[in-house]
C-alpha atoms as a PDB file:
ATOM      1  CA  MET A   1      -3.207   6.665 -10.793  1.00  0.00           C
ATOM      2  CA  TYR A   2      -1.272   3.489 -10.019  1.00  0.00           C
ATOM      3  CA  ASN A   3      -1.251   2.416 -13.715  1.00  0.00           C
ATOM      4  CA  PHE A   4      -0.046   5.909 -14.720  1.00  0.00           C
ATOM      5  CA  LEU A   5       2.889   5.736 -12.279  1.00  0.00           C
ATOM      6  CA  LYS A   6       3.728   2.227 -13.347  1.00  0.00           C
ATOM      7  CA  LYS A   7       3.834   3.203 -17.057  1.00  0.00           C
ATOM      8  CA  LEU A   8       6.162   6.059 -16.219  1.00  0.00           C
ATOM      9  CA  GLY A   9       8.433   3.742 -14.302  1.00  0.00           C
ATOM     10  CA  LEU A  10       7.974   5.674 -11.041  1.00  0.00           C
ATOM     11  CA  LEU A  11       7.305   2.549  -9.030  1.00  0.00           C
ATOM     12  CA  LYS A  12      10.270   0.565  -7.830  1.00  0.00           C
ATOM     13  CA  SER A  13      10.120  -3.107  -8.574  1.00  0.00           C
ATOM     14  CA  ASP A  14       9.666  -4.003  -4.908  1.00  0.00           C
ATOM     15  CA  PRO A  15       7.632  -7.222  -4.536  1.00  0.00           C
ATOM     16  CA  ASN A  16       6.362  -6.120  -1.140  1.00  0.00           C
ATOM     17  CA  LYS A  17       5.058  -2.819  -2.525  1.00  0.00           C
ATOM     18  CA  GLN A  18       3.312  -4.747  -5.313  1.00  0.00           C
ATOM     19  CA  ALA A  19       1.856  -7.219  -2.756  1.00  0.00           C
ATOM     20  CA  ILE A  20       0.385  -4.359  -0.687  1.00  0.00           C
ATOM     21  CA  ILE A  21      -1.067  -2.739  -3.845  1.00  0.00           C
ATOM     22  CA  ASP A  22      -2.565  -6.051  -4.945  1.00  0.00           C
ATOM     23  CA  LEU A  23      -3.974  -6.695  -1.437  1.00  0.00           C
ATOM     24  CA  LEU A  24      -5.641  -3.295  -1.321  1.00  0.00           C
ATOM     25  CA  ARG A  25      -6.952  -3.652  -4.887  1.00  0.00           C
ATOM     26  CA  ASP A  26      -8.556  -6.998  -3.961  1.00  0.00           C
ATOM     27  CA  ASN A  27      -9.930  -5.934  -0.564  1.00  0.00           C
ATOM     28  CA  ASP A  28     -10.848  -2.214  -1.076  1.00  0.00           C
ATOM     29  CA  HIS A  29      -9.180  -1.312   2.255  1.00  0.00           C
ATOM     30  CA  CYS A  30      -7.218  -2.979   5.078  1.00  0.00           C
ATOM     31  CA  THR A  31      -5.928  -2.039   8.468  1.00  0.00           C
ATOM     32  CA  TYR A  32      -2.170  -1.859   9.174  1.00  0.00           C
ATOM     33  CA  GLY A  33      -2.384  -5.129  11.102  1.00  0.00           C
ATOM     34  CA  GLU A  34      -4.216  -6.941   8.294  1.00  0.00           C
ATOM     35  CA  ILE A  35      -1.587  -5.842   5.797  1.00  0.00           C
ATOM     36  CA  LEU A  36       1.265  -7.062   8.054  1.00  0.00           C
ATOM     37  CA  LYS A  37      -0.494 -10.364   8.797  1.00  0.00           C
ATOM     38  CA  SER A  38      -1.519 -11.069   5.249  1.00  0.00           C
ATOM     39  CA  LEU A  39       1.975 -10.478   3.840  1.00  0.00           C
ATOM     40  CA  SER A  40       3.991 -11.738   6.838  1.00  0.00           C
ATOM     41  CA  LEU A  41       5.834  -8.405   7.139  1.00  0.00           C
ATOM     42  CA  SER A  42       7.642  -7.164  10.203  1.00  0.00           C
ATOM     43  CA  PRO A  43       6.202  -3.939  11.669  1.00  0.00           C
ATOM     44  CA  SER A  44       9.332  -2.002  10.726  1.00  0.00           C
ATOM     45  CA  LYS A  45       9.387  -3.238   7.152  1.00  0.00           C
ATOM     46  CA  GLY A  46       5.594  -2.759   6.766  1.00  0.00           C
ATOM     47  CA  SER A  47       5.732   0.740   8.075  1.00  0.00           C
ATOM     48  CA  LYS A  48       8.645   1.674   5.733  1.00  0.00           C
ATOM     49  CA  ILE A  49       6.846   0.342   2.685  1.00  0.00           C
ATOM     50  CA  ILE A  50       3.493   1.897   3.616  1.00  0.00           C
ATOM     51  CA  THR A  51       5.153   5.275   4.198  1.00  0.00           C
ATOM     52  CA  GLU A  52       6.823   5.107   0.764  1.00  0.00           C
ATOM     53  CA  LEU A  53       3.531   4.189  -0.938  1.00  0.00           C
ATOM     54  CA  LYS A  54       1.747   7.096   0.865  1.00  0.00           C
ATOM     55  CA  GLU A  55       4.521   9.535  -0.144  1.00  0.00           C
ATOM     56  CA  GLU A  56       4.323   8.328  -3.731  1.00  0.00           C
ATOM     57  CA  GLY A  57       0.548   8.999  -3.666  1.00  0.00           C
ATOM     58  CA  ILE A  58      -0.368   5.380  -4.353  1.00  0.00           C
ATOM     59  CA  ILE A  59      -2.252   4.686  -1.154  1.00  0.00           C
ATOM     60  CA  SER A  60      -4.011   6.823   1.381  1.00  0.00           C
ATOM     61  CA  ASN A  61      -5.254   6.241   4.899  1.00  0.00           C
ATOM     62  CA  LYS A  62      -7.935   7.273   7.295  1.00  0.00           C
ATOM     63  CA  ILE A  63      -7.462   7.651  10.975  1.00  0.00           C
ATOM     64  CA  MET A  64     -11.034   6.960  12.118  1.00  0.00           C
ATOM     65  CA  PRO A  65     -11.662   4.156  11.398  1.00  0.00           C
ATOM     66  CA  PRO A  66      -7.977   3.286  10.757  1.00  0.00           C
ATOM     67  CA  PHE A  67      -7.391   1.736   7.395  1.00  0.00           C
ATOM     68  CA  PHE A  68      -5.407   2.090   4.121  1.00  0.00           C
ATOM     69  CA  LYS A  69      -6.739   2.052   0.603  1.00  0.00           C
ATOM     70  CA  LEU A  70      -5.502   2.755  -2.898  1.00  0.00           C
ATOM     71  CA  ALA A  71      -5.483   6.467  -3.593  1.00  0.00           C
ATOM     72  CA  GLY A  72      -8.404   7.696  -5.661  1.00  0.00           C
ATOM     73  CA  ASN A  73     -10.682   4.826  -4.517  1.00  0.00           C
END
């Protein structure tokens, strides 16, 4: 799905979004804290980007256990 959205130009060229996508692609899934720590993001910036990626359907999350992953994986 990510490649489809990218080809259509629906992803903004935000390096932080791309970094989160790459991190999740490389690690299958990560917690919110792991994402923030790995990318040195503030909680507010990380939350904003993660919310946007979820709304765009690029990532999904589970509550128990709490982690994020690329949608469709």
